[in-house]
C-alpha atoms as a PDB file:
ATOM      1  CA  UNK A   1     -78.996 -19.248  31.159  1.00  0.00           C
ATOM      2  CA  UNK A   2     -81.936 -17.004  30.627  1.00  0.00           C
ATOM      3  CA  UNK A   3     -82.027 -17.287  26.718  1.00  0.00           C
ATOM      4  CA  UNK A   4     -82.075 -20.915  27.136  1.00  0.00           C
ATOM      5  CA  UNK A   5     -85.405 -20.847  29.590  1.00  0.00           C
ATOM      6  CA  UNK A   6     -86.753 -18.453  27.007  1.00  0.00           C
ATOM      7  CA  UNK A   7     -86.127 -21.041  24.387  1.00  0.00           C
ATOM      8  CA  UNK A   8     -87.613 -23.845  26.220  1.00  0.00           C
ATOM      9  CA  UNK A   9     -90.600 -21.483  26.639  1.00  0.00           C
ATOM     10  CA  UNK A  10     -90.869 -21.265  23.428  1.00  0.00           C
ATOM     11  CA  UNK A  11     -90.622 -24.288  22.078  1.00  0.00           C
ATOM     12  CA  UNK A  12     -93.686 -25.378  24.806  1.00  0.00           C
ATOM     13  CA  UNK A  13     -95.482 -22.423  23.240  1.00  0.00           C
ATOM     14  CA  UNK A  14     -95.308 -23.740  19.684  1.00  0.00           C
ATOM     15  CA  UNK A  15     -95.932 -27.184  20.594  1.00  0.00           C
ATOM     16  CA  UNK A  16     -99.152 -25.988  22.564  1.00  0.00           C
ATOM     17  CA  UNK A  17    -100.205 -24.000  19.566  1.00  0.00           C
ATOM     18  CA  UNK A  18     -99.543 -26.629  17.054  1.00  0.00           C
ATOM     19  CA  UNK A  19    -101.585 -28.882  19.169  1.00  0.00           C
ATOM     20  CA  UNK A  20    -104.657 -26.605  19.415  1.00  0.00           C
ATOM     21  CA  UNK A  21    -104.617 -25.913  16.203  1.00  0.00           C
ATOM     22  CA  UNK A  22    -104.571 -29.677  14.818  1.00  0.00           C
ATOM     23  CA  UNK A  23    -107.290 -30.364  17.227  1.00  0.00           C
ATOM     24  CA  UNK A  24    -109.813 -28.125  15.396  1.00  0.00           C
ATOM     25  CA  UNK A  25    -112.543 -30.552  14.213  1.00  0.00           C
ATOM     26  CA  UNK A  26    -113.913 -29.382  11.252  1.00  0.00           C
ATOM     27  CA  UNK A  27    -114.867 -33.009  10.641  1.00  0.00           C
ATOM     28  CA  UNK A  28    -117.183 -33.536  13.304  1.00  0.00           C
ATOM     29  CA  UNK A  29    -118.335 -29.967  13.181  1.00  0.00           C
ATOM     30  CA  UNK A  30    -119.504 -30.202   9.487  1.00  0.00           C
ATOM     31  CA  UNK A  31    -121.374 -33.580  10.320  1.00  0.00           C
ATOM     32  CA  UNK A  32    -122.623 -32.256  13.425  1.00  0.00           C
ATOM     33  CA  UNK A  33    -124.321 -29.247  11.208  1.00  0.00           C
ATOM     34  CA  UNK A  34    -125.752 -31.935   8.953  1.00  0.00           C
ATOM     35  CA  UNK A  35    -127.304 -33.797  12.212  1.00  0.00           C
ATOM     36  CA  UNK A  36    -124.727 -36.654  11.491  1.00  0.00           C
ATOM     37  CA  UNK A  37    -122.331 -37.984  14.189  1.00  0.00           C
ATOM     38  CA  UNK A  38    -118.957 -38.449  12.574  1.00  0.00           C
ATOM     39  CA  UNK A  39    -117.416 -41.461  14.844  1.00  0.00           C
ATOM     40  CA  UNK A  40    -120.949 -43.761  14.122  1.00  0.00           C
ATOM     41  CA  UNK A  41    -120.371 -43.674  10.025  1.00  0.00           C
ATOM     42  CA  UNK A  42    -118.132 -44.872   7.442  1.00  0.00           C
ATOM     43  CA  UNK A  43    -115.029 -45.647   8.687  1.00  0.00           C
ATOM     44  CA  UNK A  44    -115.842 -43.564  12.126  1.00  0.00           C
ATOM     45  CA  UNK A  45    -112.856 -41.375  11.698  1.00  0.00           C
ATOM     46  CA  UNK A  46    -112.900 -37.690  11.499  1.00  0.00           C
ATOM     47  CA  UNK A  47    -111.659 -36.756   8.554  1.00  0.00           C
ATOM     48  CA  UNK A  48    -112.433 -35.043   4.920  1.00  0.00           C
ATOM     49  CA  UNK A  49    -112.707 -38.581   3.552  1.00  0.00           C
ATOM     50  CA  UNK A  50    -115.052 -39.878   5.489  1.00  0.00           C
ATOM     51  CA  UNK A  51    -117.042 -36.602   5.131  1.00  0.00           C
ATOM     52  CA  UNK A  52    -116.627 -36.871   1.498  1.00  0.00           C
ATOM     53  CA  UNK A  53    -117.859 -40.214   1.185  1.00  0.00           C
ATOM     54  CA  UNK A  54    -120.465 -40.164   3.624  1.00  0.00           C
ATOM     55  CA  UNK A  55    -122.064 -36.982   4.377  1.00  0.00           C
ATOM     56  CA  UNK A  56    -121.246 -34.724   0.599  1.00  0.00           C
ATOM     57  CA  UNK A  57    -118.641 -34.211  -1.610  1.00  0.00           C
ATOM     58  CA  UNK A  58    -118.889 -30.052  -1.157  1.00  0.00           C
ATOM     59  CA  UNK A  59    -118.783 -30.580   2.448  1.00  0.00           C
ATOM     60  CA  UNK A  60    -115.605 -32.779   2.300  1.00  0.00           C
ATOM     61  CA  UNK A  61    -114.030 -30.528  -0.013  1.00  0.00           C
ATOM     62  CA  UNK A  62    -114.203 -27.844   2.481  1.00  0.00           C
ATOM     63  CA  UNK A  63    -113.174 -30.149   5.676  1.00  0.00           C
ATOM     64  CA  UNK A  64    -110.563 -30.820   3.602  1.00  0.00           C
ATOM     65  CA  UNK A  65    -109.122 -27.220   3.036  1.00  0.00           C
ATOM     66  CA  UNK A  66    -109.501 -26.827   6.478  1.00  0.00           C
ATOM     67  CA  UNK A  67    -107.345 -29.944   7.694  1.00  0.00           C
ATOM     68  CA  UNK A  68    -104.609 -28.820   5.622  1.00  0.00           C
ATOM     69  CA  UNK A  69    -104.882 -25.045   6.329  1.00  0.00           C
ATOM     70  CA  UNK A  70    -104.527 -25.898  10.289  1.00  0.00           C
ATOM     71  CA  UNK A  71    -101.341 -28.068   9.417  1.00  0.00           C
ATOM     72  CA  UNK A  72     -99.950 -24.983   7.617  1.00  0.00           C
ATOM     73  CA  UNK A  73    -101.043 -22.581  10.579  1.00  0.00           C
ATOM     74  CA  UNK A  74     -99.073 -24.663  12.913  1.00  0.00           C
ATOM     75  CA  UNK A  75     -95.777 -24.526  10.907  1.00  0.00           C
ATOM     76  CA  UNK A  76     -96.603 -20.550   9.849  1.00  0.00           C
ATOM     77  CA  UNK A  77     -97.413 -19.803  13.370  1.00  0.00           C
ATOM     78  CA  UNK A  78     -94.322 -20.941  14.872  1.00  0.00           C
ATOM     79  CA  UNK A  79     -92.400 -19.488  12.357  1.00  0.00           C
ATOM     80  CA  UNK A  80     -92.988 -16.203  14.089  1.00  0.00           C
ATOM     81  CA  UNK A  81     -91.403 -17.326  17.216  1.00  0.00           C
ATOM     82  CA  UNK A  82     -87.666 -17.406  15.365  1.00  0.00           C
ATOM     83  CA  UNK A  83     -86.698 -21.167  16.343  1.00  0.00           C
ATOM     84  CA  UNK A  84     -84.858 -23.685  14.039  1.00  0.00           C
ATOM     85  CA  UNK A  85     -86.660 -25.526  11.141  1.00  0.00           C
ATOM     86  CA  UNK A  86     -86.598 -28.348  13.234  1.00  0.00           C
ATOM     87  CA  UNK A  87     -89.177 -26.987  15.617  1.00  0.00           C
ATOM     88  CA  UNK A  88     -91.158 -25.862  13.149  1.00  0.00           C
ATOM     89  CA  UNK A  89     -90.980 -29.236  11.901  1.00  0.00           C
ATOM     90  CA  UNK A  90     -92.141 -29.935  15.827  1.00  0.00           C
ATOM     91  CA  UNK A  91     -94.868 -27.735  15.654  1.00  0.00           C
ATOM     92  CA  UNK A  92     -96.469 -29.790  12.348  1.00  0.00           C
ATOM     93  CA  UNK A  93     -96.237 -33.069  14.401  1.00  0.00           C
ATOM     94  CA  UNK A  94     -97.853 -31.329  17.118  1.00  0.00           C
ATOM     95  CA  UNK A  95    -100.698 -30.393  15.259  1.00  0.00           C
ATOM     96  CA  UNK A  96    -100.997 -33.952  13.991  1.00  0.00           C
ATOM     97  CA  UNK A  97    -101.358 -35.025  17.076  1.00  0.00           C
ATOM     98  CA  UNK A  98    -104.011 -32.719  17.937  1.00  0.00           C
ATOM     99  CA  UNK A  99    -105.732 -34.033  14.840  1.00  0.00           C
ATOM    100  CA  UNK A 100    -105.325 -37.638  15.776  1.00  0.00           C
ATOM    101  CA  UNK A 101    -106.393 -36.857  19.509  1.00  0.00           C
ATOM    102  CA  UNK A 102    -108.532 -33.895  19.361  1.00  0.00           C
ATOM    103  CA  UNK A 103    -109.064 -32.383  23.012  1.00  0.00           C
ATOM    104  CA  UNK A 104    -112.426 -30.671  21.831  1.00  0.00           C
ATOM    105  CA  UNK A 105    -113.459 -34.224  20.257  1.00  0.00           C
ATOM    106  CA  UNK A 106    -112.865 -36.420  23.125  1.00  0.00           C
ATOM    107  CA  UNK A 107    -109.312 -37.357  22.254  1.00  0.00           C
ATOM    108  CA  UNK A 108    -110.814 -39.087  18.732  1.00  0.00           C
ATOM    109  CA  UNK A 109    -110.020 -37.552  15.306  1.00  0.00           C
ATOM    110  CA  UNK A 110    -108.893 -39.040  11.735  1.00  0.00           C
ATOM    111  CA  UNK A 111    -106.067 -39.939  10.250  1.00  0.00           C
ATOM    112  CA  UNK A 112    -103.960 -36.562   9.592  1.00  0.00           C
ATOM    113  CA  UNK A 113    -103.128 -37.164   6.447  1.00  0.00           C
ATOM    114  CA  UNK A 114    -104.710 -33.759   4.902  1.00  0.00           C
ATOM    115  CA  UNK A 115    -102.995 -31.937   8.224  1.00  0.00           C
ATOM    116  CA  UNK A 116     -99.383 -33.585   6.959  1.00  0.00           C
ATOM    117  CA  UNK A 117     -99.764 -32.116   3.782  1.00  0.00           C
ATOM    118  CA  UNK A 118    -100.771 -28.420   5.056  1.00  0.00           C
ATOM    119  CA  UNK A 119     -97.548 -29.075   7.229  1.00  0.00           C
ATOM    120  CA  UNK A 120     -95.350 -30.198   4.364  1.00  0.00           C
ATOM    121  CA  UNK A 121     -96.651 -26.925   2.142  1.00  0.00           C
ATOM    122  CA  UNK A 122     -95.585 -24.648   4.681  1.00  0.00           C
ATOM    123  CA  UNK A 123     -92.193 -26.134   5.315  1.00  0.00           C
ATOM    124  CA  UNK A 124     -91.845 -26.886   1.761  1.00  0.00           C
ATOM    125  CA  UNK A 125     -93.721 -25.390  -0.823  1.00  0.00           C
ATOM    126  CA  UNK A 126     -91.996 -26.265  -3.885  1.00  0.00           C
ATOM    127  CA  UNK A 127     -91.417 -29.753  -3.211  1.00  0.00           C
ATOM    128  CA  UNK A 128     -95.007 -30.185  -1.578  1.00  0.00           C
ATOM    129  CA  UNK A 129     -96.788 -29.432  -5.029  1.00  0.00           C
ATOM    130  CA  UNK A 130     -94.232 -32.196  -6.607  1.00  0.00           C
ATOM    131  CA  UNK A 131     -95.732 -35.035  -3.884  1.00  0.00           C
ATOM    132  CA  UNK A 132     -99.372 -33.590  -4.336  1.00  0.00           C
ATOM    133  CA  UNK A 133     -98.812 -33.926  -7.958  1.00  0.00           C
ATOM    134  CA  UNK A 134     -97.392 -37.936  -7.831  1.00  0.00           C
ATOM    135  CA  UNK A 135     -99.562 -38.593  -4.939  1.00  0.00           C
ATOM    136  CA  UNK A 136    -102.827 -37.578  -6.700  1.00  0.00           C
ATOM    137  CA  UNK A 137    -101.792 -39.496  -9.763  1.00  0.00           C
ATOM    138  CA  UNK A 138    -100.704 -42.224  -7.662  1.00  0.00           C
ATOM    139  CA  UNK A 139    -104.154 -42.483  -5.866  1.00  0.00           C
ATOM    140  CA  UNK A 140    -106.031 -41.911  -9.168  1.00  0.00           C
ATOM    141  CA  UNK A 141    -103.771 -44.915 -10.930  1.00  0.00           C
ATOM    142  CA  UNK A 142    -105.348 -47.211  -7.159  1.00  0.00           C
ATOM    143  CA  UNK A 143    -108.876 -45.087  -7.374  1.00  0.00           C
ATOM    144  CA  UNK A 144    -110.554 -48.949  -6.882  1.00  0.00           C
ATOM    145  CA  UNK A 145    -107.775 -50.038  -4.241  1.00  0.00           C
ATOM    146  CA  UNK A 146    -108.500 -49.920  -0.789  1.00  0.00           C
ATOM    147  CA  UNK A 147    -105.711 -48.316   0.505  1.00  0.00           C
ATOM    148  CA  UNK A 148    -105.924 -45.852  -2.595  1.00  0.00           C
ATOM    149  CA  UNK A 149    -104.617 -42.664  -0.276  1.00  0.00           C
ATOM    150  CA  UNK A 150    -101.973 -44.626   2.037  1.00  0.00           C
ATOM    151  CA  UNK A 151    -100.942 -45.620  -1.361  1.00  0.00           C
ATOM    152  CA  UNK A 152    -100.807 -42.075  -2.818  1.00  0.00           C
ATOM    153  CA  UNK A 153     -99.086 -40.395   0.039  1.00  0.00           C
ATOM    154  CA  UNK A 154     -96.186 -42.798   0.187  1.00  0.00           C
ATOM    155  CA  UNK A 155     -95.648 -42.095  -3.751  1.00  0.00           C
ATOM    156  CA  UNK A 156     -95.835 -38.053  -3.025  1.00  0.00           C
ATOM    157  CA  UNK A 157     -93.895 -38.394  -0.148  1.00  0.00           C
ATOM    158  CA  UNK A 158     -91.096 -41.256  -1.823  1.00  0.00           C
ATOM    159  CA  UNK A 159     -90.838 -38.526  -4.488  1.00  0.00           C
ATOM    160  CA  UNK A 160     -90.292 -35.630  -2.489  1.00  0.00           C
ATOM    161  CA  UNK A 161     -87.541 -37.603  -0.638  1.00  0.00           C
ATOM    162  CA  UNK A 162     -85.808 -38.655  -3.903  1.00  0.00           C
ATOM    163  CA  UNK A 163     -85.450 -35.636  -5.383  1.00  0.00           C
ATOM    164  CA  UNK A 164     -84.500 -33.891  -2.271  1.00  0.00           C
ATOM    165  CA  UNK A 165     -81.594 -36.387  -2.112  1.00  0.00           C
ATOM    166  CA  UNK A 166     -80.651 -36.143  -5.516  1.00  0.00           C
ATOM    167  CA  UNK A 167     -80.707 -32.188  -5.640  1.00  0.00           C
ATOM    168  CA  UNK A 168     -79.645 -31.582  -1.987  1.00  0.00           C
ATOM    169  CA  UNK A 169     -82.423 -29.750  -1.378  1.00  0.00           C
ATOM    170  CA  UNK A 170     -82.852 -29.356   2.510  1.00  0.00           C
ATOM    171  CA  UNK A 171     -82.304 -32.420   2.959  1.00  0.00           C
ATOM    172  CA  UNK A 172     -82.232 -32.393   7.019  1.00  0.00           C
ATOM    173  CA  UNK A 173     -85.741 -31.044   6.994  1.00  0.00           C
ATOM    174  CA  UNK A 174     -87.148 -33.035   4.008  1.00  0.00           C
ATOM    175  CA  UNK A 175     -86.263 -36.228   5.824  1.00  0.00           C
ATOM    176  CA  UNK A 176     -87.663 -34.888   9.257  1.00  0.00           C
ATOM    177  CA  UNK A 177     -91.106 -34.329   6.950  1.00  0.00           C
ATOM    178  CA  UNK A 178     -90.587 -37.802   5.353  1.00  0.00           C
ATOM    179  CA  UNK A 179     -90.243 -39.548   9.095  1.00  0.00           C
ATOM    180  CA  UNK A 180     -93.938 -37.400   9.992  1.00  0.00           C
ATOM    181  CA  UNK A 181     -95.125 -38.892   6.784  1.00  0.00           C
ATOM    182  CA  UNK A 182     -94.357 -42.570   7.948  1.00  0.00           C
ATOM    183  CA  UNK A 183     -95.576 -42.205  11.219  1.00  0.00           C
ATOM    184  CA  UNK A 184     -98.892 -41.045   9.560  1.00  0.00           C
ATOM    185  CA  UNK A 185     -98.914 -44.092   7.602  1.00  0.00           C
ATOM    186  CA  UNK A 186     -98.347 -46.271  10.247  1.00  0.00           C
ATOM    187  CA  UNK A 187    -101.223 -44.762  12.356  1.00  0.00           C
ATOM    188  CA  UNK A 188    -103.636 -44.616   9.086  1.00  0.00           C
ATOM    189  CA  UNK A 189    -102.453 -48.565   8.867  1.00  0.00           C
ATOM    190  CA  UNK A 190    -102.559 -49.174  12.265  1.00  0.00           C
ATOM    191  CA  UNK A 191    -106.028 -47.637  12.199  1.00  0.00           C
ATOM    192  CA  UNK A 192    -107.363 -49.853   9.560  1.00  0.00           C
ATOM    193  CA  UNK A 193    -106.188 -53.501  10.637  1.00  0.00           C
ATOM    194  CA  UNK A 194    -107.666 -52.590  14.089  1.00  0.00           C
ATOM    195  CA  UNK A 195    -110.976 -52.214  12.137  1.00  0.00           C
ATOM    196  CA  UNK A 196    -110.277 -55.300  10.001  1.00  0.00           C
ATOM    197  CA  UNK A 197    -109.534 -57.396  13.201  1.00  0.00           C
ATOM    198  CA  UNK A 198    -112.499 -55.673  14.901  1.00  0.00           C
ATOM    199  CA  UNK A 199    -115.196 -56.694  12.439  1.00  0.00           C
ATOM    200  CA  UNK A 200    -113.613 -60.256  11.322  1.00  0.00           C
ATOM    201  CA  UNK A 201    -114.173 -60.888  15.406  1.00  0.00           C
ATOM    202  CA  UNK A 202    -117.697 -60.073  15.202  1.00  0.00           C
ATOM    203  CA  UNK A 203    -118.179 -62.284  11.709  1.00  0.00           C
ATOM    204  CA  UNK A 204    -116.770 -65.035  13.382  1.00  0.00           C
END
């Protein structure tokens, strides 16, 4: 009974830690340093891509590194609590939620793609390399497409899923990671649809 209580306490702790790490608003802070409100430019999202294209490439690269790092940090921090791999997956999910709805930015944020990649690196270091390479190649091939980052993410995680199932590498954990990726993709597509719908209403 007491051990079950401790496990619940640990689980709640890793979720809180993951969420708070994911909530660190690197994009918003970087934009503020440059005298810009990130939520009023470009896609109005607090993400590395918006900073990269509308504030500066170097600043965007730093924000990307920070967003990746907080996803990895959430999983690595949870690893010290000594819970199951599925609990580590929940920590990564909490970090993504924190990036979506940052407690430090009025519960606004970005798409969570970089944070997802960071969590994946910590959970599956070897397979994540494959996913990153495939994702980058897909994004470069579709460089002029408006949804290049979404297609890149889809291609990368599809490659991870196929290889893990074929070679039987952490199949259940990878399946969980792919579910997280699908949630991020759905969230990103929904946000883009909402912006398109809103702009079409204004123009109409």
